[in-house]
């Protein structure tokens, strides 16, 4: 390997690799990096949760809500819960709130729910509730009774809801013109 120049041995080392080897090495490194990046991106994209479409109210207006005539009541101490069942005859509606009107006083509202009287896990009436076409839902409110007997006091319900035509408010017929027919331990029996 060495050449002799004036009696000395000189080793010539070629500092450059042949061009094909260098290209092969660079190509291999690039291929490994590209493969690793592809796996990393694929892993990240694969594990992302898919976006779910949020259902929207139908374009068809819900129309006016109907009370079914069903009513409920429950007493717990001096607390009274009353409610009505409502039917959605039109397109999907999104109930957005329940307002209770107490024109004569005598009661202090402490809560309202999308549920029947006594239902343990009924959602609060401040939470949106989707109501499908033709479906029924209970609306109820709970009160502290301020007098011995709540019989003369009316309770009226108003529902705010979103349908295909926008936000609507509706006073519900079939509330309680008075609480005379609602059983309550402080009232005289008839």
N, C-alpha and C. Protein backbone atom coordinates (compact mmCIF):
# COMPACT_ATOMS: atom_id res chain seq x y z
N UNK A 1 0.81 -1.17 0.00
CA UNK A 1 0.00 0.00 0.00
C UNK A 1 0.86 1.24 0.00
N UNK A 2 1.98 1.16 0.57
CA UNK A 2 2.79 2.35 0.63
C UNK A 2 3.70 2.47 -0.58
N UNK A 3 4.03 3.66 -0.95
CA UNK A 3 4.99 3.93 -2.01
C UNK A 3 6.28 4.36 -1.35
N UNK A 4 7.37 4.02 -2.00
CA UNK A 4 8.65 4.41 -1.43
C UNK A 4 9.12 5.66 -2.15
N UNK A 5 9.43 6.65 -1.37
CA UNK A 5 9.99 7.87 -1.93
C UNK A 5 11.28 8.12 -1.19
N UNK A 6 12.36 8.11 -1.88
CA UNK A 6 13.70 8.31 -1.32
C UNK A 6 13.92 7.46 -0.09
N UNK A 7 13.59 6.24 -0.13
CA UNK A 7 13.86 5.32 0.94
C UNK A 7 12.84 5.35 2.05
N UNK A 8 11.98 6.30 2.04
CA UNK A 8 10.95 6.33 3.07
C UNK A 8 9.66 5.77 2.51
N UNK A 9 8.97 5.22 3.41
CA UNK A 9 7.69 4.67 2.99
C UNK A 9 6.62 5.73 3.22
N UNK A 10 5.82 5.98 2.25
CA UNK A 10 4.75 6.97 2.35
C UNK A 10 3.45 6.24 2.10
N UNK A 11 2.57 6.34 3.09
CA UNK A 11 1.24 5.74 2.93
C UNK A 11 0.30 6.80 2.39
N UNK A 12 -0.33 6.49 1.37
CA UNK A 12 -1.30 7.42 0.78
C UNK A 12 -2.69 6.94 1.22
N UNK A 13 -3.36 7.83 1.91
CA UNK A 13 -4.72 7.50 2.36
C UNK A 13 -5.67 8.38 1.58
N UNK A 14 -6.58 7.74 0.94
CA UNK A 14 -7.56 8.49 0.17
C UNK A 14 -8.61 9.02 1.14
N UNK A 15 -8.67 10.34 1.31
CA UNK A 15 -9.59 10.93 2.28
C UNK A 15 -11.03 10.95 1.79
N UNK A 16 -11.22 10.77 0.56
CA UNK A 16 -12.59 10.79 0.06
C UNK A 16 -13.06 9.38 -0.20
N UNK A 17 -14.27 9.11 0.23
CA UNK A 17 -14.86 7.82 -0.08
C UNK A 17 -15.30 7.85 -1.53
N UNK A 18 -15.48 6.73 -2.02
CA UNK A 18 -16.03 6.74 -3.38
C UNK A 18 -17.43 7.37 -3.34
N UNK A 19 -17.81 8.17 -4.31
CA UNK A 19 -19.08 8.90 -4.31
C UNK A 19 -20.29 7.99 -4.12
N UNK A 20 -20.28 6.81 -4.60
CA UNK A 20 -21.44 5.94 -4.47
C UNK A 20 -21.68 5.54 -3.01
N UNK A 21 -20.65 5.34 -2.24
CA UNK A 21 -20.81 4.99 -0.83
C UNK A 21 -21.39 6.15 -0.03
N UNK A 22 -20.93 7.34 -0.26
CA UNK A 22 -21.42 8.51 0.46
C UNK A 22 -22.90 8.72 0.16
N UNK A 23 -23.27 8.63 -1.08
CA UNK A 23 -24.68 8.79 -1.44
C UNK A 23 -25.54 7.71 -0.81
N UNK A 24 -25.02 6.51 -0.79
CA UNK A 24 -25.76 5.41 -0.19
C UNK A 24 -25.98 5.66 1.31
N UNK A 25 -24.98 6.15 2.00
CA UNK A 25 -25.10 6.45 3.44
C UNK A 25 -26.09 7.57 3.70
N UNK A 26 -25.99 8.65 2.93
CA UNK A 26 -26.90 9.79 3.10
C UNK A 26 -28.33 9.35 2.79
N UNK A 27 -28.49 8.58 1.75
CA UNK A 27 -29.82 8.10 1.37
C UNK A 27 -30.41 7.23 2.47
N UNK A 28 -29.60 6.38 3.06
CA UNK A 28 -30.08 5.51 4.14
C UNK A 28 -30.51 6.34 5.35
N UNK A 29 -29.73 7.34 5.73
CA UNK A 29 -30.08 8.20 6.87
C UNK A 29 -31.38 8.95 6.59
N UNK A 30 -31.53 9.51 5.41
CA UNK A 30 -32.74 10.24 5.05
C UNK A 30 -33.95 9.30 5.06
N UNK A 31 -33.78 8.10 4.56
CA UNK A 31 -34.88 7.13 4.54
C UNK A 31 -35.32 6.77 5.95
N UNK A 32 -34.36 6.56 6.85
CA UNK A 32 -34.69 6.22 8.23
C UNK A 32 -35.42 7.38 8.90
N UNK A 33 -34.94 8.61 8.70
CA UNK A 33 -35.60 9.78 9.29
C UNK A 33 -37.01 9.97 8.73
N UNK A 34 -37.19 9.80 7.43
CA UNK A 34 -38.51 9.94 6.82
C UNK A 34 -39.46 8.88 7.35
N UNK A 35 -38.98 7.67 7.50
CA UNK A 35 -39.80 6.58 8.03
C UNK A 35 -40.24 6.90 9.46
N UNK A 36 -39.29 7.36 10.28
CA UNK A 36 -39.61 7.68 11.68
C UNK A 36 -40.61 8.84 11.75
N UNK A 37 -40.43 9.85 10.92
CA UNK A 37 -41.36 10.98 10.91
C UNK A 37 -42.74 10.53 10.46
N UNK A 38 -42.80 9.68 9.48
CA UNK A 38 -44.09 9.18 9.00
C UNK A 38 -44.82 8.39 10.06
N UNK A 39 -44.10 7.56 10.78
CA UNK A 39 -44.73 6.79 11.86
C UNK A 39 -45.22 7.74 12.95
N UNK A 40 -44.41 8.72 13.31
CA UNK A 40 -44.81 9.69 14.34
C UNK A 40 -46.05 10.46 13.94
N UNK A 41 -46.11 10.95 12.72
CA UNK A 41 -47.29 11.68 12.27
C UNK A 41 -48.50 10.77 12.21
N UNK A 42 -48.31 9.59 11.69
CA UNK A 42 -49.43 8.65 11.62
C UNK A 42 -49.96 8.31 12.99
N UNK A 43 -49.09 8.15 13.96
CA UNK A 43 -49.50 7.83 15.32
C UNK A 43 -50.29 8.99 15.92
N UNK A 44 -49.79 10.21 15.71
CA UNK A 44 -50.48 11.38 16.26
C UNK A 44 -51.85 11.57 15.61
N UNK A 45 -51.94 11.42 14.31
CA UNK A 45 -53.21 11.62 13.63
C UNK A 45 -54.20 10.51 13.95
N UNK A 46 -53.69 9.30 14.10
CA UNK A 46 -54.57 8.17 14.37
C UNK A 46 -55.21 8.26 15.75
N UNK A 47 -54.50 8.80 16.72
CA UNK A 47 -55.00 8.82 18.10
C UNK A 47 -55.80 10.06 18.45
N UNK A 48 -55.99 10.96 17.51
CA UNK A 48 -56.82 12.13 17.80
C UNK A 48 -58.28 11.71 17.80
N UNK A 49 -59.06 12.19 18.78
CA UNK A 49 -60.47 11.84 18.77
C UNK A 49 -61.16 12.48 17.57
N UNK A 50 -62.04 11.74 16.97
CA UNK A 50 -62.77 12.25 15.82
C UNK A 50 -63.74 13.33 16.30
N UNK A 51 -63.86 14.38 15.52
CA UNK A 51 -64.82 15.42 15.86
C UNK A 51 -66.21 14.91 15.55
N UNK A 52 -67.09 15.09 16.52
CA UNK A 52 -68.46 14.64 16.30
C UNK A 52 -69.31 15.85 15.97
N UNK A 53 -70.19 15.66 15.04
CA UNK A 53 -71.07 16.75 14.64
C UNK A 53 -72.09 17.00 15.74
N UNK A 54 -72.27 18.26 16.07
CA UNK A 54 -73.27 18.63 17.06
C UNK A 54 -74.62 18.71 16.36
N UNK A 55 -75.62 18.00 16.86
CA UNK A 55 -76.93 18.08 16.22
C UNK A 55 -77.49 19.49 16.34
N UNK A 56 -78.08 19.94 15.28
CA UNK A 56 -78.67 21.27 15.24
C UNK A 56 -80.19 21.12 15.20
N UNK A 57 -80.90 22.12 15.70
CA UNK A 57 -82.34 22.05 15.58
C UNK A 57 -82.73 21.97 14.11
N UNK A 58 -83.82 21.28 13.82
CA UNK A 58 -84.23 21.14 12.44
C UNK A 58 -84.66 22.48 11.89
N UNK A 59 -84.65 22.59 10.57
CA UNK A 59 -85.05 23.83 9.92
C UNK A 59 -86.55 24.06 10.08
N UNK A 60 -87.29 23.01 10.34
CA UNK A 60 -88.73 23.13 10.52
C UNK A 60 -89.01 23.68 11.92
N UNK A 61 -89.77 24.78 12.02
CA UNK A 61 -90.07 25.32 13.34
C UNK A 61 -90.82 24.31 14.20
N UNK A 62 -90.58 24.37 15.49
CA UNK A 62 -91.24 23.45 16.40
C UNK A 62 -92.72 23.79 16.53
N UNK A 63 -93.10 24.99 16.17
CA UNK A 63 -94.49 25.37 16.35
C UNK A 63 -94.74 25.62 17.81
N UNK A 64 -95.99 25.65 18.19
CA UNK A 64 -96.25 25.90 19.60
C UNK A 64 -96.26 24.59 20.37
N UNK A 65 -95.77 24.67 21.58
CA UNK A 65 -95.75 23.50 22.46
C UNK A 65 -97.16 23.27 23.00
N UNK A 66 -97.44 22.04 23.36
CA UNK A 66 -98.76 21.69 23.89
C UNK A 66 -98.59 21.07 25.27
N UNK A 67 -99.47 21.43 26.20
CA UNK A 67 -99.49 20.70 27.46
C UNK A 67 -100.38 19.48 27.26
N UNK A 68 -100.01 18.36 27.88
CA UNK A 68 -100.77 17.12 27.71
C UNK A 68 -101.95 17.02 28.68
N UNK A 69 -101.98 17.89 29.67
CA UNK A 69 -103.00 17.81 30.71
C UNK A 69 -102.51 17.08 31.94
N UNK A 70 -101.38 16.37 31.81
CA UNK A 70 -100.82 15.66 32.97
C UNK A 70 -100.11 16.67 33.87
N UNK A 71 -100.37 16.58 35.16
CA UNK A 71 -99.74 17.46 36.15
C UNK A 71 -99.26 16.61 37.31
N UNK A 72 -98.29 17.15 38.05
CA UNK A 72 -97.77 16.41 39.20
C UNK A 72 -97.55 17.36 40.36
N UNK A 73 -97.46 16.79 41.56
CA UNK A 73 -97.12 17.58 42.74
C UNK A 73 -96.48 16.65 43.76
N UNK A 74 -95.62 17.23 44.58
CA UNK A 74 -94.97 16.48 45.66
C UNK A 74 -94.67 17.47 46.79
N UNK A 75 -94.89 17.02 48.03
CA UNK A 75 -94.62 17.86 49.19
C UNK A 75 -93.52 17.23 50.02
N UNK A 76 -92.61 18.08 50.51
CA UNK A 76 -91.56 17.65 51.43
C UNK A 76 -91.44 18.75 52.48
N UNK A 77 -92.04 18.55 53.64
CA UNK A 77 -92.05 19.59 54.67
C UNK A 77 -92.86 20.77 54.19
N UNK A 78 -92.27 21.97 54.25
CA UNK A 78 -92.99 23.14 53.75
C UNK A 78 -92.58 23.47 52.32
N UNK A 79 -91.99 22.50 51.64
CA UNK A 79 -91.64 22.67 50.23
C UNK A 79 -92.66 21.95 49.36
N UNK A 80 -93.00 22.58 48.25
CA UNK A 80 -93.97 22.01 47.32
C UNK A 80 -93.38 22.06 45.92
N UNK A 81 -93.48 20.93 45.22
CA UNK A 81 -93.02 20.86 43.84
C UNK A 81 -94.24 20.59 42.97
N UNK A 82 -94.41 21.38 41.91
CA UNK A 82 -95.51 21.18 40.96
C UNK A 82 -94.93 21.16 39.56
N UNK A 83 -95.60 20.43 38.67
CA UNK A 83 -95.10 20.33 37.30
C UNK A 83 -96.18 20.01 36.30
N UNK A 84 -95.84 20.21 35.03
CA UNK A 84 -96.73 19.90 33.91
C UNK A 84 -95.95 19.13 32.86
N UNK A 85 -96.68 18.32 32.09
CA UNK A 85 -96.06 17.59 30.99
C UNK A 85 -96.35 18.35 29.70
N UNK A 86 -95.32 18.49 28.85
CA UNK A 86 -95.42 19.26 27.62
C UNK A 86 -95.06 18.35 26.45
N UNK A 87 -95.75 18.55 25.33
CA UNK A 87 -95.47 17.79 24.10
C UNK A 87 -94.97 18.76 23.03
N UNK A 88 -93.97 18.32 22.26
CA UNK A 88 -93.45 19.10 21.14
C UNK A 88 -94.05 18.53 19.86
N UNK A 89 -95.06 19.20 19.26
CA UNK A 89 -95.72 18.64 18.08
C UNK A 89 -94.96 18.87 16.77
N UNK A 90 -93.98 19.79 16.75
CA UNK A 90 -93.31 20.14 15.49
C UNK A 90 -91.92 19.56 15.39
N UNK A 91 -91.01 20.34 14.78
CA UNK A 91 -89.61 19.94 14.62
C UNK A 91 -88.88 19.95 15.94
N UNK A 92 -87.62 19.50 15.91
CA UNK A 92 -86.83 19.44 17.15
C UNK A 92 -86.74 20.82 17.79
N UNK A 93 -86.88 20.86 19.09
CA UNK A 93 -86.76 22.10 19.86
C UNK A 93 -85.67 21.92 20.90
N UNK A 94 -85.01 23.01 21.23
CA UNK A 94 -84.00 22.99 22.29
C UNK A 94 -84.50 23.91 23.40
N UNK A 95 -84.97 23.30 24.49
CA UNK A 95 -85.45 24.09 25.62
C UNK A 95 -84.25 24.79 26.25
N UNK A 96 -84.38 26.10 26.47
CA UNK A 96 -83.27 26.87 27.00
C UNK A 96 -83.52 27.43 28.38
N UNK A 97 -84.73 27.44 28.82
CA UNK A 97 -84.99 27.97 30.15
C UNK A 97 -86.46 27.86 30.52
N UNK A 98 -86.72 27.81 31.80
CA UNK A 98 -88.08 27.74 32.33
C UNK A 98 -88.26 28.90 33.29
N UNK A 99 -89.27 29.70 33.01
CA UNK A 99 -89.59 30.83 33.89
C UNK A 99 -90.92 30.52 34.58
N UNK A 100 -91.00 30.80 35.85
CA UNK A 100 -92.21 30.55 36.62
C UNK A 100 -92.77 31.89 37.08
N UNK A 101 -94.05 32.09 36.82
CA UNK A 101 -94.73 33.33 37.21
C UNK A 101 -95.62 33.03 38.41
N UNK A 102 -95.46 33.83 39.46
CA UNK A 102 -96.26 33.70 40.69
C UNK A 102 -96.98 35.03 40.93
N UNK A 103 -98.10 35.26 40.24
CA UNK A 103 -98.72 36.59 40.29
C UNK A 103 -99.25 37.01 41.66
N UNK A 104 -99.59 36.07 42.54
CA UNK A 104 -100.12 36.44 43.86
C UNK A 104 -99.13 36.22 44.99
N UNK A 105 -97.91 35.81 44.68
CA UNK A 105 -96.94 35.57 45.75
C UNK A 105 -97.31 34.33 46.53
N UNK A 106 -96.99 34.32 47.82
CA UNK A 106 -97.30 33.19 48.69
C UNK A 106 -96.33 32.03 48.57
N UNK A 107 -95.53 32.04 47.53
CA UNK A 107 -94.54 30.99 47.27
C UNK A 107 -93.21 31.65 46.91
N UNK A 108 -92.12 30.99 47.25
CA UNK A 108 -90.80 31.47 46.84
C UNK A 108 -90.13 30.33 46.07
N UNK A 109 -89.86 30.60 44.80
CA UNK A 109 -89.25 29.56 43.96
C UNK A 109 -87.81 29.30 44.41
N UNK A 110 -87.47 28.00 44.54
CA UNK A 110 -86.10 27.64 44.91
C UNK A 110 -85.41 26.79 43.85
N UNK A 111 -86.18 26.38 42.82
CA UNK A 111 -85.56 25.59 41.76
C UNK A 111 -86.54 25.23 40.68
N UNK A 112 -86.00 24.83 39.53
CA UNK A 112 -86.81 24.36 38.40
C UNK A 112 -86.01 23.29 37.67
N UNK A 113 -86.71 22.27 37.18
CA UNK A 113 -86.03 21.16 36.50
C UNK A 113 -86.79 20.74 35.25
N UNK A 114 -86.06 20.06 34.36
CA UNK A 114 -86.67 19.37 33.23
C UNK A 114 -86.94 17.95 33.73
N UNK A 115 -88.00 17.75 34.46
CA UNK A 115 -88.31 16.44 35.00
C UNK A 115 -89.60 16.47 35.79
N UNK A 116 -90.12 15.29 36.09
CA UNK A 116 -91.37 15.16 36.83
C UNK A 116 -91.14 15.44 38.32
N UNK A 117 -92.21 15.66 39.02
CA UNK A 117 -92.15 15.88 40.47
C UNK A 117 -91.54 14.66 41.14
N UNK A 118 -90.60 14.90 42.02
CA UNK A 118 -89.95 13.82 42.75
C UNK A 118 -88.86 13.10 41.99
N UNK A 119 -88.63 13.44 40.73
CA UNK A 119 -87.56 12.79 39.96
C UNK A 119 -86.22 13.18 40.56
N UNK A 120 -85.43 12.19 40.94
CA UNK A 120 -84.21 12.45 41.71
C UNK A 120 -83.10 13.12 40.91
N UNK A 121 -82.89 12.72 39.68
CA UNK A 121 -81.74 13.26 38.94
C UNK A 121 -82.18 14.08 37.73
N UNK A 122 -83.23 14.84 37.87
CA UNK A 122 -83.71 15.67 36.76
C UNK A 122 -82.73 16.81 36.51
N UNK A 123 -82.44 17.09 35.22
CA UNK A 123 -81.52 18.19 34.93
C UNK A 123 -82.13 19.55 35.30
N UNK A 124 -81.29 20.43 35.77
CA UNK A 124 -81.70 21.78 36.11
C UNK A 124 -82.26 22.47 34.87
N UNK A 125 -83.27 23.29 35.02
CA UNK A 125 -83.92 23.95 33.89
C UNK A 125 -83.08 25.07 33.29
N UNK A 126 -81.88 25.30 33.79
CA UNK A 126 -80.99 26.27 33.16
C UNK A 126 -80.10 25.58 32.12
N UNK A 127 -80.13 24.26 32.07
CA UNK A 127 -79.35 23.48 31.11
C UNK A 127 -80.22 23.24 29.88
N UNK A 128 -79.63 23.37 28.67
CA UNK A 128 -80.40 23.11 27.46
C UNK A 128 -80.89 21.67 27.42
N UNK A 129 -82.07 21.49 26.87
CA UNK A 129 -82.66 20.15 26.74
C UNK A 129 -83.23 20.01 25.34
N UNK A 130 -82.72 19.04 24.58
CA UNK A 130 -83.23 18.77 23.23
C UNK A 130 -84.50 17.93 23.33
N UNK A 131 -85.51 18.37 22.61
CA UNK A 131 -86.79 17.66 22.62
C UNK A 131 -87.14 17.31 21.17
N UNK A 132 -87.17 16.03 20.88
CA UNK A 132 -87.44 15.55 19.52
C UNK A 132 -88.89 15.82 19.14
N UNK A 133 -89.18 15.84 17.83
CA UNK A 133 -90.56 16.02 17.39
C UNK A 133 -91.46 14.92 17.97
N UNK A 134 -92.60 15.30 18.51
CA UNK A 134 -93.55 14.35 19.06
C UNK A 134 -93.24 13.89 20.48
N UNK A 135 -92.09 14.25 21.01
CA UNK A 135 -91.69 13.80 22.35
C UNK A 135 -92.38 14.63 23.43
N UNK A 136 -92.48 14.04 24.61
CA UNK A 136 -93.01 14.76 25.77
C UNK A 136 -91.92 14.91 26.81
N UNK A 137 -92.05 15.94 27.62
CA UNK A 137 -91.09 16.20 28.69
C UNK A 137 -91.84 16.86 29.85
N UNK A 138 -91.38 16.57 31.06
CA UNK A 138 -91.95 17.20 32.25
C UNK A 138 -91.15 18.44 32.60
N UNK A 139 -91.85 19.47 33.07
CA UNK A 139 -91.26 20.70 33.60
C UNK A 139 -91.78 20.85 35.02
N UNK A 140 -90.91 21.10 35.96
CA UNK A 140 -91.39 21.26 37.34
C UNK A 140 -90.60 22.34 38.06
N UNK A 141 -91.24 22.89 39.08
CA UNK A 141 -90.62 23.92 39.90
C UNK A 141 -90.88 23.60 41.37
N UNK A 142 -89.91 23.95 42.20
CA UNK A 142 -90.02 23.70 43.64
C UNK A 142 -90.07 25.04 44.38
N UNK A 143 -90.93 25.10 45.39
CA UNK A 143 -91.16 26.34 46.12
C UNK A 143 -91.11 26.12 47.63
N UNK A 144 -90.72 27.16 48.33
CA UNK A 144 -90.97 27.26 49.77
C UNK A 144 -92.37 27.84 49.88
N UNK A 145 -93.24 27.20 50.66
CA UNK A 145 -94.60 27.70 50.87
C UNK A 145 -94.54 28.68 52.04
N UNK A 146 -94.96 29.93 51.80
CA UNK A 146 -94.82 30.99 52.80
C UNK A 146 -96.02 31.11 53.73
N UNK A 147 -97.15 30.49 53.37
CA UNK A 147 -98.36 30.50 54.20
C UNK A 147 -98.68 29.06 54.59
N UNK A 148 -99.66 28.91 55.48
CA UNK A 148 -100.04 27.56 55.91
C UNK A 148 -100.62 26.73 54.77
N UNK A 149 -101.34 27.38 53.84
CA UNK A 149 -101.98 26.65 52.74
C UNK A 149 -101.79 27.42 51.43
N UNK A 150 -101.19 26.79 50.41
CA UNK A 150 -100.95 27.48 49.14
C UNK A 150 -102.13 27.44 48.17
N UNK A 151 -103.30 26.96 48.61
CA UNK A 151 -104.43 26.73 47.71
C UNK A 151 -104.77 27.89 46.77
N UNK A 152 -104.78 29.15 47.21
CA UNK A 152 -105.23 30.20 46.30
C UNK A 152 -104.19 30.67 45.27
N UNK A 153 -103.00 30.17 45.34
CA UNK A 153 -101.93 30.75 44.52
C UNK A 153 -101.80 30.08 43.15
N UNK A 154 -101.80 30.90 42.08
CA UNK A 154 -101.57 30.35 40.74
C UNK A 154 -100.07 30.18 40.46
N UNK A 155 -99.77 29.22 39.60
CA UNK A 155 -98.39 29.00 39.14
C UNK A 155 -98.46 28.87 37.62
N UNK A 156 -97.72 29.72 36.92
CA UNK A 156 -97.70 29.69 35.45
C UNK A 156 -96.28 29.44 34.98
N UNK A 157 -96.18 28.66 33.92
CA UNK A 157 -94.87 28.30 33.36
C UNK A 157 -94.70 28.96 31.99
N UNK A 158 -93.49 29.48 31.73
CA UNK A 158 -93.12 29.99 30.42
C UNK A 158 -91.82 29.31 30.02
N UNK A 159 -91.79 28.76 28.81
CA UNK A 159 -90.61 28.05 28.32
C UNK A 159 -89.96 28.87 27.22
N UNK A 160 -88.65 29.04 27.31
CA UNK A 160 -87.87 29.63 26.21
C UNK A 160 -87.23 28.47 25.47
N UNK A 161 -87.37 28.47 24.14
CA UNK A 161 -86.79 27.37 23.37
C UNK A 161 -86.30 27.87 22.02
N UNK A 162 -85.39 27.12 21.46
CA UNK A 162 -84.81 27.41 20.16
C UNK A 162 -85.34 26.38 19.19
N UNK A 163 -85.88 26.86 18.07
CA UNK A 163 -86.30 25.94 17.02
C UNK A 163 -85.71 26.44 15.71
N UNK A 164 -86.10 25.88 14.59
CA UNK A 164 -85.54 26.27 13.30
C UNK A 164 -85.77 27.72 12.95
N UNK A 165 -86.76 28.37 13.55
CA UNK A 165 -87.07 29.76 13.24
C UNK A 165 -86.39 30.74 14.20
N UNK A 166 -85.71 30.27 15.22
CA UNK A 166 -85.05 31.14 16.19
C UNK A 166 -85.52 30.86 17.60
N UNK A 167 -85.34 31.86 18.48
CA UNK A 167 -85.72 31.70 19.88
C UNK A 167 -87.18 32.10 20.04
N UNK A 168 -87.92 31.28 20.77
CA UNK A 168 -89.33 31.55 21.04
C UNK A 168 -89.57 31.41 22.53
N UNK A 169 -90.57 32.14 23.02
CA UNK A 169 -91.02 31.99 24.41
C UNK A 169 -92.50 31.68 24.34
N UNK A 170 -92.91 30.76 25.19
CA UNK A 170 -94.33 30.40 25.18
C UNK A 170 -94.84 30.22 26.60
N UNK A 171 -95.94 30.93 26.89
CA UNK A 171 -96.66 30.70 28.14
C UNK A 171 -97.44 29.42 27.95
N UNK A 172 -97.33 28.51 28.89
CA UNK A 172 -98.00 27.22 28.76
C UNK A 172 -99.37 27.25 29.42
N UNK A 173 -100.38 26.94 28.62
CA UNK A 173 -101.71 26.76 29.18
C UNK A 173 -101.68 25.44 29.95
N UNK A 174 -102.50 25.30 30.93
CA UNK A 174 -102.53 24.04 31.67
C UNK A 174 -101.59 24.03 32.86
N UNK A 175 -101.09 25.21 33.24
CA UNK A 175 -100.31 25.29 34.47
C UNK A 175 -101.26 25.09 35.64
N UNK A 176 -101.14 25.92 36.62
CA UNK A 176 -102.01 25.81 37.80
C UNK A 176 -102.69 27.17 38.00
N UNK A 177 -104.00 27.24 37.67
CA UNK A 177 -104.77 28.46 37.91
C UNK A 177 -104.79 28.81 39.38
N UNK A 178 -104.77 27.79 40.20
CA UNK A 178 -104.55 27.90 41.64
C UNK A 178 -104.11 26.52 42.11
N UNK A 179 -103.68 26.42 43.34
CA UNK A 179 -103.19 25.15 43.87
C UNK A 179 -104.23 24.45 44.74
N UNK A 180 -105.51 24.82 44.56
CA UNK A 180 -106.59 24.25 45.38
C UNK A 180 -106.74 22.75 45.23
N UNK A 181 -106.42 22.21 44.06
CA UNK A 181 -106.57 20.76 43.87
C UNK A 181 -105.26 20.00 44.11
N UNK A 182 -104.25 20.69 44.61
CA UNK A 182 -102.96 20.06 44.90
C UNK A 182 -102.95 19.65 46.38
N UNK A 183 -102.72 18.37 46.68
CA UNK A 183 -102.68 17.96 48.09
C UNK A 183 -101.53 18.64 48.84
N UNK A 184 -101.85 19.21 50.00
CA UNK A 184 -100.84 19.87 50.84
C UNK A 184 -101.28 19.73 52.29
N UNK A 185 -100.40 19.29 53.15
CA UNK A 185 -100.77 18.97 54.54
C UNK A 185 -101.27 20.17 55.34
N UNK A 186 -100.91 21.39 54.95
CA UNK A 186 -101.35 22.57 55.70
C UNK A 186 -102.73 23.06 55.32
N UNK A 187 -103.32 22.47 54.28
CA UNK A 187 -104.63 22.93 53.81
C UNK A 187 -105.75 22.08 54.42
N UNK A 188 -106.89 22.70 54.72
CA UNK A 188 -108.01 21.91 55.22
C UNK A 188 -108.52 20.97 54.12
N UNK A 189 -108.90 19.77 54.51
CA UNK A 189 -109.43 18.83 53.51
C UNK A 189 -110.88 19.16 53.22
N UNK A 190 -111.27 18.96 51.98
CA UNK A 190 -112.66 19.29 51.59
C UNK A 190 -113.48 18.05 51.40
